[in-house]
Structure formats: C-alpha cells, structure tokens
C-alpha cells in the first residue's frame, strides 16, 4: 500500500521540481506524479515505502499557484502542462540559491550538546542508529554515560558496530555499543534520561514503530533529540531524493503528538532538521 506525502514541505519542493520536469518536456499532472515516483525509486534500497508519492491534491495546489504566477501554461487540447519563459527564469533563480557545502551535520551535533548543557553528567543516554559512533563519542567526551545501538541491517552499515567497539576500547567504560533493533530492544521501560539519533531515523524500516519504542525506553520527563534531513527544497538541493526518506516538519509533529511527546521544538540548520521532544 503506497503512502502519499503532503504538506507545506512537500509543496516547497514541488514549486521547484515541477519546473525542472516541465523544462524537459510537457507533462500531465499524472505524469508529473509518476515521474517523481520513478526518480525516487532508489529510496527503496533503504525502506520499502521510501519512494516519494506526491498526493494529487498537493500537485493540484502547486500547479494552480505556478499557473497564477505565469510560470506554466496548460496546453488544453492535450491536457499537458508546459513551462513558460518566466518559469525557466524562476527555476534558474532557485538553482542559484542551492546551499553551499558545509559541515552541517557537525554543527547539528554541537547543537545537541548545547541543548544538553544543563543535563546532569551522570545522565544515561541511548544513541539510536549510532553507526560508527559519531554522536555517541561526542556525548561520552562530555562525561555522559552512553549506549549506542545499531541494527546493522543496511549493506554499508553491516560492520559499523564492530568499528565503533574498536574505537571505544581506549574510552573505557563511559561508552558501549551493541547491535540491536530499537523496536525489539530488550531493555526495561523508563531506562534512559535522553535518547538521541543522528541521520538514522530516515533509514529505519518503520520509523513510527521506532518512535513508539523510544517513548517506552525514555524516563518520564526525558528528552528525545534527533538530527535528520530537512524535507523540502533546501534538503532536496543538498541531498536529492534521499532527503524524502526523512519525516517532514509536519509529519514529525503528527508522529510525536500521537505517541505522547510534548514540548516539541524544531531547529533548521541549513539542510538538516533537529527535533527535540519530551516524554510527558
């Protein structure tokens, strides 16, 4: 069963990418939706539901807006949309605004450390999807007690926990790594003071189920902090269709509220989004 995507973040991307597709040749609304799905097909190597299916109502809103602004026109006899000269100029202008290369992931990690500045040094932190321990080691260096877990289910991450364990040996007992899937992690409820994740939620097979498990494992009043791709034009220009594996700002809010989180805050850091929420 396919899952369609909608909301302001998706429309932000569509206002640009519809012009890209129409600059190639004219297309119907259905053809635009199908072409976007086809070009995002590589996301299935991460998650079976990873392709970008744009909701028809969102495509209608964007086409109507682009028509009103004079960026596209409708070839009525064929029912196809075509780009105008003004549309080509608008597309080039948006491409010139492509974000420059920056170490945003590093800055996002520093933002997490800043948000934990007042946390007790003996806090117990779980790093979900730790990979080779990028964020876990930063937290351990701040004297937190850290456990990093990763399912190692993807080809590129199959030996990541082994590498993290090797690096952890000189660190002593402050940081530990285990291979585990958060959905089936055999730990008591209310174990961790904080749970963090860096560029991992988008790769997980069932992010809502992972979030449900995270809520269970957090202590009451504990906080969840997650770095992931920013869904929208800026995220797309930096990461391509890969960014749509992540949840949009609107989708994050919906999921977090559904599973009982509150005090939700979000911080946009160029092409990344940092989400912070508290277990009520």
C-alpha atoms as a PDB file:
ATOM      1  CA  UNK A   1       0.000   0.000   0.000  1.00  0.00           C
ATOM      2  CA  UNK A   2       1.509   3.330  -1.058  1.00  0.00           C
ATOM      3  CA  UNK A   3       1.788   6.309   1.289  1.00  0.00           C
ATOM      4  CA  UNK A   4       1.240   9.716  -0.285  1.00  0.00           C
ATOM      5  CA  UNK A   5       3.069  12.771   1.035  1.00  0.00           C
ATOM      6  CA  UNK A   6       1.594  16.197   1.524  1.00  0.00           C
ATOM      7  CA  UNK A   7       2.053  19.424   3.449  1.00  0.00           C
ATOM      8  CA  UNK A   8       3.997  22.691   3.121  1.00  0.00           C
ATOM      9  CA  UNK A   9       7.418  20.978   2.990  1.00  0.00           C
ATOM     10  CA  UNK A  10       6.379  18.847   0.013  1.00  0.00           C
ATOM     11  CA  UNK A  11       4.832  21.840  -1.772  1.00  0.00           C
ATOM     12  CA  UNK A  12       8.032  23.824  -1.237  1.00  0.00           C
ATOM     13  CA  UNK A  13       9.935  21.144  -3.170  1.00  0.00           C
ATOM     14  CA  UNK A  14       7.247  20.829  -5.859  1.00  0.00           C
ATOM     15  CA  UNK A  15       7.290  24.535  -6.705  1.00  0.00           C
ATOM     16  CA  UNK A  16      10.837  23.961  -7.918  1.00  0.00           C
ATOM     17  CA  UNK A  17      10.801  20.414  -9.261  1.00  0.00           C
ATOM     18  CA  UNK A  18       7.658  20.747 -11.375  1.00  0.00           C
ATOM     19  CA  UNK A  19       9.540  23.465 -13.296  1.00  0.00           C
ATOM     20  CA  UNK A  20      12.541  21.136 -13.657  1.00  0.00           C
ATOM     21  CA  UNK A  21      10.385  18.379 -15.158  1.00  0.00           C
ATOM     22  CA  UNK A  22       8.448  20.710 -17.451  1.00  0.00           C
ATOM     23  CA  UNK A  23      11.707  22.230 -18.705  1.00  0.00           C
ATOM     24  CA  UNK A  24      12.456  18.760 -20.126  1.00  0.00           C
ATOM     25  CA  UNK A  25       9.091  18.410 -21.860  1.00  0.00           C
ATOM     26  CA  UNK A  26       5.386  18.995 -21.190  1.00  0.00           C
ATOM     27  CA  UNK A  27       3.571  16.549 -18.916  1.00  0.00           C
ATOM     28  CA  UNK A  28       0.119  15.885 -17.470  1.00  0.00           C
ATOM     29  CA  UNK A  29      -0.483  16.054 -13.737  1.00  0.00           C
ATOM     30  CA  UNK A  30      -0.456  12.261 -13.530  1.00  0.00           C
ATOM     31  CA  UNK A  31       2.795  12.075 -15.498  1.00  0.00           C
ATOM     32  CA  UNK A  32       4.421  14.572 -13.111  1.00  0.00           C
ATOM     33  CA  UNK A  33       3.462  12.459 -10.095  1.00  0.00           C
ATOM     34  CA  UNK A  34       4.612   9.245 -11.779  1.00  0.00           C
ATOM     35  CA  UNK A  35       7.951  10.765 -12.843  1.00  0.00           C
ATOM     36  CA  UNK A  36       8.720  11.931  -9.314  1.00  0.00           C
ATOM     37  CA  UNK A  37       7.923   8.451  -8.011  1.00  0.00           C
ATOM     38  CA  UNK A  38      10.189   6.902 -10.643  1.00  0.00           C
ATOM     39  CA  UNK A  39      13.110   9.231  -9.906  1.00  0.00           C
ATOM     40  CA  UNK A  40      12.912   8.479  -6.184  1.00  0.00           C
ATOM     41  CA  UNK A  41      12.814   4.697  -6.681  1.00  0.00           C
ATOM     42  CA  UNK A  42      16.353   4.324  -5.286  1.00  0.00           C
ATOM     43  CA  UNK A  43      14.947   5.090  -1.830  1.00  0.00           C
ATOM     44  CA  UNK A  44      13.518   1.568  -1.766  1.00  0.00           C
ATOM     45  CA  UNK A  45      17.003   0.232  -1.095  1.00  0.00           C
ATOM     46  CA  UNK A  46      16.659   1.833   2.358  1.00  0.00           C
ATOM     47  CA  UNK A  47      12.956   1.294   3.048  1.00  0.00           C
ATOM     48  CA  UNK A  48      10.255  -0.447   1.009  1.00  0.00           C
ATOM     49  CA  UNK A  49       7.962   2.587   1.400  1.00  0.00           C
ATOM     50  CA  UNK A  50      10.719   5.064   0.596  1.00  0.00           C
ATOM     51  CA  UNK A  51       9.575   6.303  -2.824  1.00  0.00           C
ATOM     52  CA  UNK A  52       8.061   9.777  -2.997  1.00  0.00           C
ATOM     53  CA  UNK A  53       4.358   9.566  -3.853  1.00  0.00           C
ATOM     54  CA  UNK A  54       3.033  13.124  -4.041  1.00  0.00           C
ATOM     55  CA  UNK A  55      -0.618  13.499  -3.039  1.00  0.00           C
ATOM     56  CA  UNK A  56      -2.746  14.593  -6.016  1.00  0.00           C
ATOM     57  CA  UNK A  57      -4.267  17.444  -4.012  1.00  0.00           C
ATOM     58  CA  UNK A  58      -0.781  18.857  -3.353  1.00  0.00           C
ATOM     59  CA  UNK A  59       0.153  18.674  -7.026  1.00  0.00           C
ATOM     60  CA  UNK A  60      -3.093  20.496  -7.894  1.00  0.00           C
ATOM     61  CA  UNK A  61      -2.289  23.293  -5.432  1.00  0.00           C
ATOM     62  CA  UNK A  62       1.214  23.747  -6.851  1.00  0.00           C
ATOM     63  CA  UNK A  63       0.096  23.680 -10.491  1.00  0.00           C
ATOM     64  CA  UNK A  64      -2.587  26.265  -9.709  1.00  0.00           C
ATOM     65  CA  UNK A  65      -0.043  28.512  -7.979  1.00  0.00           C
ATOM     66  CA  UNK A  66       2.547  28.216 -10.755  1.00  0.00           C
ATOM     67  CA  UNK A  67      -0.146  28.978 -13.352  1.00  0.00           C
ATOM     68  CA  UNK A  68      -1.269  32.058 -11.440  1.00  0.00           C
ATOM     69  CA  UNK A  69       2.326  33.318 -11.290  1.00  0.00           C
ATOM     70  CA  UNK A  70       2.778  32.844 -15.020  1.00  0.00           C
ATOM     71  CA  UNK A  71       5.443  30.129 -14.670  1.00  0.00           C
ATOM     72  CA  UNK A  72       3.473  27.428 -16.521  1.00  0.00           C
ATOM     73  CA  UNK A  73       0.612  27.190 -19.005  1.00  0.00           C
ATOM     74  CA  UNK A  74      -1.904  24.467 -19.840  1.00  0.00           C
ATOM     75  CA  UNK A  75      -1.948  23.017 -23.333  1.00  0.00           C
ATOM     76  CA  UNK A  76      -5.686  22.321 -23.203  1.00  0.00           C
ATOM     77  CA  UNK A  77      -6.118  20.003 -26.226  1.00  0.00           C
ATOM     78  CA  UNK A  78      -3.503  17.602 -24.846  1.00  0.00           C
ATOM     79  CA  UNK A  79      -4.153  18.278 -21.150  1.00  0.00           C
ATOM     80  CA  UNK A  80      -0.438  18.808 -20.586  1.00  0.00           C
ATOM     81  CA  UNK A  81       1.402  21.476 -18.650  1.00  0.00           C
ATOM     82  CA  UNK A  82       4.297  23.386 -20.191  1.00  0.00           C
ATOM     83  CA  UNK A  83       6.851  25.789 -18.723  1.00  0.00           C
ATOM     84  CA  UNK A  84       6.924  29.463 -19.769  1.00  0.00           C
ATOM     85  CA  UNK A  85       9.912  31.778 -20.183  1.00  0.00           C
ATOM     86  CA  UNK A  86       9.152  33.242 -16.756  1.00  0.00           C
ATOM     87  CA  UNK A  87       9.118  29.714 -15.330  1.00  0.00           C
ATOM     88  CA  UNK A  88      12.555  28.955 -16.764  1.00  0.00           C
ATOM     89  CA  UNK A  89      13.939  32.104 -15.162  1.00  0.00           C
ATOM     90  CA  UNK A  90      12.351  31.195 -11.816  1.00  0.00           C
ATOM     91  CA  UNK A  91      13.856  27.691 -11.948  1.00  0.00           C
ATOM     92  CA  UNK A  92      17.352  29.046 -12.631  1.00  0.00           C
ATOM     93  CA  UNK A  93      16.963  31.532  -9.783  1.00  0.00           C
ATOM     94  CA  UNK A  94      16.077  28.760  -7.333  1.00  0.00           C
ATOM     95  CA  UNK A  95      19.041  26.668  -8.507  1.00  0.00           C
ATOM     96  CA  UNK A  96      21.406  29.574  -7.855  1.00  0.00           C
ATOM     97  CA  UNK A  97      20.213  29.523  -4.245  1.00  0.00           C
ATOM     98  CA  UNK A  98      21.463  25.935  -3.781  1.00  0.00           C
ATOM     99  CA  UNK A  99      23.089  25.682  -0.328  1.00  0.00           C
ATOM    100  CA  UNK A 100      26.865  25.687  -0.306  1.00  0.00           C
ATOM    101  CA  UNK A 101      28.777  22.696   1.021  1.00  0.00           C
ATOM    102  CA  UNK A 102      29.059  22.904   4.791  1.00  0.00           C
ATOM    103  CA  UNK A 103      29.573  20.557   7.695  1.00  0.00           C
ATOM    104  CA  UNK A 104      26.006  20.961   8.899  1.00  0.00           C
ATOM    105  CA  UNK A 105      25.972  17.508  10.482  1.00  0.00           C
ATOM    106  CA  UNK A 106      28.820  18.599  12.744  1.00  0.00           C
ATOM    107  CA  UNK A 107      27.003  21.815  13.667  1.00  0.00           C
ATOM    108  CA  UNK A 108      23.816  19.860  14.389  1.00  0.00           C
ATOM    109  CA  UNK A 109      25.741  17.613  16.770  1.00  0.00           C
ATOM    110  CA  UNK A 110      27.115  20.691  18.516  1.00  0.00           C
ATOM    111  CA  UNK A 111      23.543  21.989  18.843  1.00  0.00           C
ATOM    112  CA  UNK A 112      22.554  18.750  20.613  1.00  0.00           C
ATOM    113  CA  UNK A 113      25.465  19.175  23.020  1.00  0.00           C
ATOM    114  CA  UNK A 114      24.341  22.743  23.684  1.00  0.00           C
ATOM    115  CA  UNK A 115      20.786  21.562  24.412  1.00  0.00           C
ATOM    116  CA  UNK A 116      22.219  19.052  26.900  1.00  0.00           C
ATOM    117  CA  UNK A 117      24.451  21.627  28.560  1.00  0.00           C
ATOM    118  CA  UNK A 118      22.445  21.603  31.799  1.00  0.00           C
ATOM    119  CA  UNK A 119      21.934  17.824  31.876  1.00  0.00           C
ATOM    120  CA  UNK A 120      23.470  16.010  34.878  1.00  0.00           C
ATOM    121  CA  UNK A 121      26.826  14.480  33.951  1.00  0.00           C
ATOM    122  CA  UNK A 122      25.672  11.039  35.118  1.00  0.00           C
ATOM    123  CA  UNK A 123      22.740  11.031  32.657  1.00  0.00           C
ATOM    124  CA  UNK A 124      22.264   7.764  30.772  1.00  0.00           C
ATOM    125  CA  UNK A 125      21.893   8.384  27.008  1.00  0.00           C
ATOM    126  CA  UNK A 126      20.857   5.966  24.255  1.00  0.00           C
ATOM    127  CA  UNK A 127      22.121   6.719  20.725  1.00  0.00           C
ATOM    128  CA  UNK A 128      19.793   5.024  18.218  1.00  0.00           C
ATOM    129  CA  UNK A 129      21.272   4.143  14.828  1.00  0.00           C
ATOM    130  CA  UNK A 130      24.703   5.005  16.153  1.00  0.00           C
ATOM    131  CA  UNK A 131      26.633   3.717  13.135  1.00  0.00           C
ATOM    132  CA  UNK A 132      30.321   4.034  13.951  1.00  0.00           C
ATOM    133  CA  UNK A 133      29.533   6.201  16.975  1.00  0.00           C
ATOM    134  CA  UNK A 134      29.817   9.749  15.566  1.00  0.00           C
ATOM    135  CA  UNK A 135      27.420  11.260  18.117  1.00  0.00           C
ATOM    136  CA  UNK A 136      27.958   8.698  20.897  1.00  0.00           C
ATOM    137  CA  UNK A 137      31.654   9.556  21.207  1.00  0.00           C
ATOM    138  CA  UNK A 138      30.899  13.286  21.364  1.00  0.00           C
ATOM    139  CA  UNK A 139      28.474  12.656  24.222  1.00  0.00           C
ATOM    140  CA  UNK A 140      30.913  10.361  26.040  1.00  0.00           C
ATOM    141  CA  UNK A 141      33.579  13.071  25.852  1.00  0.00           C
ATOM    142  CA  UNK A 142      31.153  15.300  27.793  1.00  0.00           C
ATOM    143  CA  UNK A 143      31.172  12.681  30.614  1.00  0.00           C
ATOM    144  CA  UNK A 144      27.717  11.270  29.840  1.00  0.00           C
ATOM    145  CA  UNK A 145      27.180   7.505  30.114  1.00  0.00           C
ATOM    146  CA  UNK A 146      26.293   6.407  26.568  1.00  0.00           C
ATOM    147  CA  UNK A 147      24.946   3.256  24.953  1.00  0.00           C
ATOM    148  CA  UNK A 148      24.951   3.187  21.133  1.00  0.00           C
ATOM    149  CA  UNK A 149      22.854   0.673  19.214  1.00  0.00           C
ATOM    150  CA  UNK A 150      22.503  -0.057  15.513  1.00  0.00           C
ATOM    151  CA  UNK A 151      20.625  -2.812  13.664  1.00  0.00           C
ATOM    152  CA  UNK A 152      23.417  -3.003  11.028  1.00  0.00           C
ATOM    153  CA  UNK A 153      20.693  -4.008   8.558  1.00  0.00           C
ATOM    154  CA  UNK A 154      21.956  -1.972   5.605  1.00  0.00           C
ATOM    155  CA  UNK A 155      24.886  -3.077   3.475  1.00  0.00           C
ATOM    156  CA  UNK A 156      27.011  -0.021   4.213  1.00  0.00           C
ATOM    157  CA  UNK A 157      26.472  -0.356   7.984  1.00  0.00           C
ATOM    158  CA  UNK A 158      26.865  -4.111   8.474  1.00  0.00           C
ATOM    159  CA  UNK A 159      30.187  -3.795  10.325  1.00  0.00           C
ATOM    160  CA  UNK A 160      29.597  -0.368  11.889  1.00  0.00           C
ATOM    161  CA  UNK A 161      29.129  -1.642  15.455  1.00  0.00           C
ATOM    162  CA  UNK A 162      32.369  -3.622  15.254  1.00  0.00           C
ATOM    163  CA  UNK A 163      34.196  -0.456  14.191  1.00  0.00           C
ATOM    164  CA  UNK A 164      32.566   1.563  16.977  1.00  0.00           C
ATOM    165  CA  UNK A 165      33.504  -1.085  19.560  1.00  0.00           C
ATOM    166  CA  UNK A 166      37.099  -0.998  18.358  1.00  0.00           C
ATOM    167  CA  UNK A 167      37.249   2.785  18.774  1.00  0.00           C
ATOM    168  CA  UNK A 168      35.546   2.560  22.173  1.00  0.00           C
ATOM    169  CA  UNK A 169      38.228   0.461  23.844  1.00  0.00           C
ATOM    170  CA  UNK A 170      40.502   3.411  24.691  1.00  0.00           C
ATOM    171  CA  UNK A 171      37.454   5.317  26.028  1.00  0.00           C
ATOM    172  CA  UNK A 172      36.960   2.960  28.972  1.00  0.00           C
ATOM    173  CA  UNK A 173      33.502   2.202  30.321  1.00  0.00           C
ATOM    174  CA  UNK A 174      31.815   5.514  29.533  1.00  0.00           C
ATOM    175  CA  UNK A 175      30.529   4.378  26.129  1.00  0.00           C
ATOM    176  CA  UNK A 176      29.240   0.989  24.994  1.00  0.00           C
ATOM    177  CA  UNK A 177      27.983  -0.331  21.659  1.00  0.00           C
ATOM    178  CA  UNK A 178      25.589  -3.183  20.838  1.00  0.00           C
ATOM    179  CA  UNK A 179      23.939  -4.495  17.695  1.00  0.00           C
ATOM    180  CA  UNK A 180      20.195  -4.154  18.237  1.00  0.00           C
ATOM    181  CA  UNK A 181      16.964  -3.002  16.579  1.00  0.00           C
ATOM    182  CA  UNK A 182      15.290  -0.307  18.690  1.00  0.00           C
ATOM    183  CA  UNK A 183      11.855  -1.863  18.036  1.00  0.00           C
ATOM    184  CA  UNK A 184      12.910  -5.092  19.768  1.00  0.00           C
ATOM    185  CA  UNK A 185      15.495  -3.739  22.196  1.00  0.00           C
ATOM    186  CA  UNK A 186      15.353  -5.824  25.376  1.00  0.00           C
ATOM    187  CA  UNK A 187      15.570  -3.063  27.978  1.00  0.00           C
ATOM    188  CA  UNK A 188      13.119  -2.139  30.767  1.00  0.00           C
ATOM    189  CA  UNK A 189      10.738   0.762  30.296  1.00  0.00           C
ATOM    190  CA  UNK A 190      11.905   4.184  31.529  1.00  0.00           C
ATOM    191  CA  UNK A 191      15.617   3.297  31.318  1.00  0.00           C
ATOM    192  CA  UNK A 192      17.192   6.347  29.666  1.00  0.00           C
ATOM    193  CA  UNK A 193      17.358  10.000  30.630  1.00  0.00           C
ATOM    194  CA  UNK A 194      17.842  11.033  26.988  1.00  0.00           C
ATOM    195  CA  UNK A 195      17.609   9.297  23.631  1.00  0.00           C
ATOM    196  CA  UNK A 196      19.375  10.763  20.607  1.00  0.00           C
ATOM    197  CA  UNK A 197      19.714   9.876  16.939  1.00  0.00           C
ATOM    198  CA  UNK A 198      21.850  11.327  14.162  1.00  0.00           C
ATOM    199  CA  UNK A 199      20.942  10.778  10.493  1.00  0.00           C
ATOM    200  CA  UNK A 200      19.462   7.378  11.205  1.00  0.00           C
ATOM    201  CA  UNK A 201      15.676   7.585  11.573  1.00  0.00           C
ATOM    202  CA  UNK A 202      15.168   8.024   7.835  1.00  0.00           C
ATOM    203  CA  UNK A 203      16.927   4.683   7.169  1.00  0.00           C
ATOM    204  CA  UNK A 204      14.790   2.681   9.587  1.00  0.00           C
ATOM    205  CA  UNK A 205      12.207   0.317   8.128  1.00  0.00           C
ATOM    206  CA  UNK A 206       9.335   1.582  10.278  1.00  0.00           C
ATOM    207  CA  UNK A 207      10.099   4.997  11.843  1.00  0.00           C
ATOM    208  CA  UNK A 208       6.750   5.276  13.712  1.00  0.00           C
ATOM    209  CA  UNK A 209       7.371   1.932  15.432  1.00  0.00           C
ATOM    210  CA  UNK A 210      10.887   3.089  16.318  1.00  0.00           C
ATOM    211  CA  UNK A 211       9.467   6.262  17.831  1.00  0.00           C
ATOM    212  CA  UNK A 212       6.989   4.205  19.866  1.00  0.00           C
ATOM    213  CA  UNK A 213       9.902   2.158  21.270  1.00  0.00           C
ATOM    214  CA  UNK A 214      11.881   5.332  22.017  1.00  0.00           C
ATOM    215  CA  UNK A 215       8.971   6.686  24.044  1.00  0.00           C
ATOM    216  CA  UNK A 216       8.787   3.438  26.048  1.00  0.00           C
ATOM    217  CA  UNK A 217      12.500   3.479  26.880  1.00  0.00           C
ATOM    218  CA  UNK A 218      12.629   7.128  27.973  1.00  0.00           C
ATOM    219  CA  UNK A 219      12.123   8.104  31.594  1.00  0.00           C
ATOM    220  CA  UNK A 220       9.206  10.428  32.331  1.00  0.00           C
ATOM    221  CA  UNK A 221      10.404  13.937  31.542  1.00  0.00           C
ATOM    222  CA  UNK A 222      13.228  12.536  29.429  1.00  0.00           C
ATOM    223  CA  UNK A 223      14.001  14.115  26.073  1.00  0.00           C
ATOM    224  CA  UNK A 224      14.407  12.786  22.558  1.00  0.00           C
ATOM    225  CA  UNK A 225      16.756  14.719  20.232  1.00  0.00           C
ATOM    226  CA  UNK A 226      17.059  13.749  16.584  1.00  0.00           C
ATOM    227  CA  UNK A 227      19.126  15.078  13.679  1.00  0.00           C
ATOM    228  CA  UNK A 228      17.858  14.184  10.216  1.00  0.00           C
ATOM    229  CA  UNK A 229      17.474  15.602   6.720  1.00  0.00           C
ATOM    230  CA  UNK A 230      15.332  18.679   6.207  1.00  0.00           C
ATOM    231  CA  UNK A 231      12.451  17.777   3.898  1.00  0.00           C
ATOM    232  CA  UNK A 232      11.777  20.492   1.327  1.00  0.00           C
ATOM    233  CA  UNK A 233      13.650  22.404  -1.356  1.00  0.00           C
ATOM    234  CA  UNK A 234      16.835  23.029   0.623  1.00  0.00           C
ATOM    235  CA  UNK A 235      17.069  19.390   1.677  1.00  0.00           C
ATOM    236  CA  UNK A 236      16.480  18.245  -1.904  1.00  0.00           C
ATOM    237  CA  UNK A 237      19.097  20.581  -3.388  1.00  0.00           C
ATOM    238  CA  UNK A 238      21.658  19.236  -0.895  1.00  0.00           C
ATOM    239  CA  UNK A 239      20.742  15.525  -0.768  1.00  0.00           C
ATOM    240  CA  UNK A 240      18.475  14.782  -3.734  1.00  0.00           C
ATOM    241  CA  UNK A 241      15.526  12.416  -3.345  1.00  0.00           C
ATOM    242  CA  UNK A 242      17.299  10.763  -0.413  1.00  0.00           C
ATOM    243  CA  UNK A 243      16.038  13.582   1.829  1.00  0.00           C
ATOM    244  CA  UNK A 244      12.437  12.373   1.392  1.00  0.00           C
ATOM    245  CA  UNK A 245      13.185   9.258   3.400  1.00  0.00           C
ATOM    246  CA  UNK A 246      13.081  11.609   6.395  1.00  0.00           C
ATOM    247  CA  UNK A 247       9.913  12.943   8.011  1.00  0.00           C
ATOM    248  CA  UNK A 248       8.882  16.496   7.228  1.00  0.00           C
ATOM    249  CA  UNK A 249       8.356  19.094   9.953  1.00  0.00           C
ATOM    250  CA  UNK A 250       4.606  18.485   9.777  1.00  0.00           C
ATOM    251  CA  UNK A 251       4.990  14.696   9.877  1.00  0.00           C
ATOM    252  CA  UNK A 252       7.339  14.886  12.865  1.00  0.00           C
ATOM    253  CA  UNK A 253       4.784  16.907  14.818  1.00  0.00           C
ATOM    254  CA  UNK A 254       1.991  14.468  13.967  1.00  0.00           C
ATOM    255  CA  UNK A 255       4.022  11.402  14.990  1.00  0.00           C
ATOM    256  CA  UNK A 256       5.397  12.886  18.193  1.00  0.00           C
ATOM    257  CA  UNK A 257       1.976  14.003  19.410  1.00  0.00           C
ATOM    258  CA  UNK A 258       0.453  10.623  18.512  1.00  0.00           C
ATOM    259  CA  UNK A 259       2.969   8.746  20.665  1.00  0.00           C
ATOM    260  CA  UNK A 260       2.642  11.049  23.662  1.00  0.00           C
ATOM    261  CA  UNK A 261       5.516  13.519  23.324  1.00  0.00           C
ATOM    262  CA  UNK A 262       5.154  17.166  24.208  1.00  0.00           C
ATOM    263  CA  UNK A 263       7.203  20.382  24.370  1.00  0.00           C
ATOM    264  CA  UNK A 264       8.191  19.846  20.748  1.00  0.00           C
ATOM    265  CA  UNK A 265      10.815  22.163  19.268  1.00  0.00           C
ATOM    266  CA  UNK A 266      12.479  22.116  15.864  1.00  0.00           C
ATOM    267  CA  UNK A 267      15.650  23.826  14.677  1.00  0.00           C
ATOM    268  CA  UNK A 268      16.502  24.186  10.987  1.00  0.00           C
ATOM    269  CA  UNK A 269      20.236  24.002  10.340  1.00  0.00           C
ATOM    270  CA  UNK A 270      20.640  24.558   6.597  1.00  0.00           C
ATOM    271  CA  UNK A 271      19.787  21.164   5.047  1.00  0.00           C
ATOM    272  CA  UNK A 272      19.260  19.382   8.386  1.00  0.00           C
ATOM    273  CA  UNK A 273      16.450  19.429  10.926  1.00  0.00           C
ATOM    274  CA  UNK A 274      16.967  18.946  14.665  1.00  0.00           C
ATOM    275  CA  UNK A 275      13.873  17.749  16.521  1.00  0.00           C
ATOM    276  CA  UNK A 276      13.534  17.937  20.309  1.00  0.00           C
ATOM    277  CA  UNK A 277      10.623  16.482  22.282  1.00  0.00           C
ATOM    278  CA  UNK A 278       9.849  15.462  25.866  1.00  0.00           C
ATOM    279  CA  UNK A 279       8.146  12.355  27.247  1.00  0.00           C
ATOM    280  CA  UNK A 280       5.083  13.593  29.110  1.00  0.00           C
END
